[in-house]
Each structure stands twice: as structure tokens, then as C-alpha cells.
Amino acid sequence: MKEIGMRKWIIAVIMLYFMTAVVYGEQKKPAKPLQKDKCPVCGMFVAKYPDFVTEIIFKDSSYAVFDGVKDMLKYYFGLSKYNPKKKKSDIDEIYVTDYYDLTMIDGLKAFYIIGSDVYGPMGRELIPFKSRSDAEEFRKDHKGKAVLGFNEITYDAVKGLD
């Protein structure tokens, strides 16, 4: 009888674990751009520029991919123009490619250099970094104007890059 009770207890623990994962969800992973994926802002094929890929993932698991931070932010600030069915509250994750190690990082926690001498596929660009120290080093080496957190970036600053 004790063996049956122990099995029930183990099954209950396993079920609780999976139910918790479903309720709280797991962080979504960045989507790998397909060859056919185009930037919704400029129309360029995103997969051609893997070193600059950025993306927004929505709560319904749909996503938009971009050929750089600048176009991603134009989309973000102009969501009603580019994707009228979505609101900022529908955004689940934002990913950007770290300039130094070329990995996808959390765009909301990244540090961005504005006004450097490094250009992206669409010209002047915001350059993302995982750490503030990497961003500061890059800013000094590449004549960057400022290091900004995601919430410090304004629409006017993005438009000024065009």
C-alpha cells in the first residue's frame, strides 16, 4: 500500500510541475528569420543581415523581424501604422543582436550606442550591447554620442538617424 501512495505522490508532483510551466509560461526563444522574411518597415530580406537581426515577438507567438534596431524601433513607435491589429501591450519579447558576440539578447535590457561611425544595412544605426561596459568601450572607439537604455530611446532620436 505504501508503494501505491508514493507513486500517487510522485505523479502529483510531476503534474504540478507541468501545470506551473503552462500557467507561468517559459520565455519565448528568438525566431530564426526565414529566407522569405522581410522587414515590415523597409522591405529588405532580413536573413541576409544576420549580424543586425532584431525581432519583436507577440504574446500570440506571431513575430516581426527587422534588419536593424532602427527599423525595429520605427515599427515599435509606429505600431498602429505598421501593424494596426497590435498594441504595445501585445508585445511579449524584444530581441536584438549583440554587436560583439552576435547572439540574440533581451532588447529591453540592452544598451544602445547612438551616433557612432558604424553603419548597418539601412545606414546610421543604433548598435546594441549586452553590457554597459561593452557599450562604453564601443562608444569611445567608434565616436558614439551616447549610451542609451531601451526606455531612453525616443522616436525623434530614431528619426534623426535617417
Foldseek 3Di string as FASTA:
>chain_A
DVVVVVVVVVVVVVVVVVVVCVVVPDQDDDDQFDQPAAALQPGHRQNVQLLAKKKWAFPVRDIHIYQHPLSVVVCLVPVCVRPVVDDNVRTDFIWTQANPPRDTDGLQQWKWFADFPDATPVGGHTHTHNDPVVVVVRCVVTVTDDIDGPVRDDPVSSVVRD
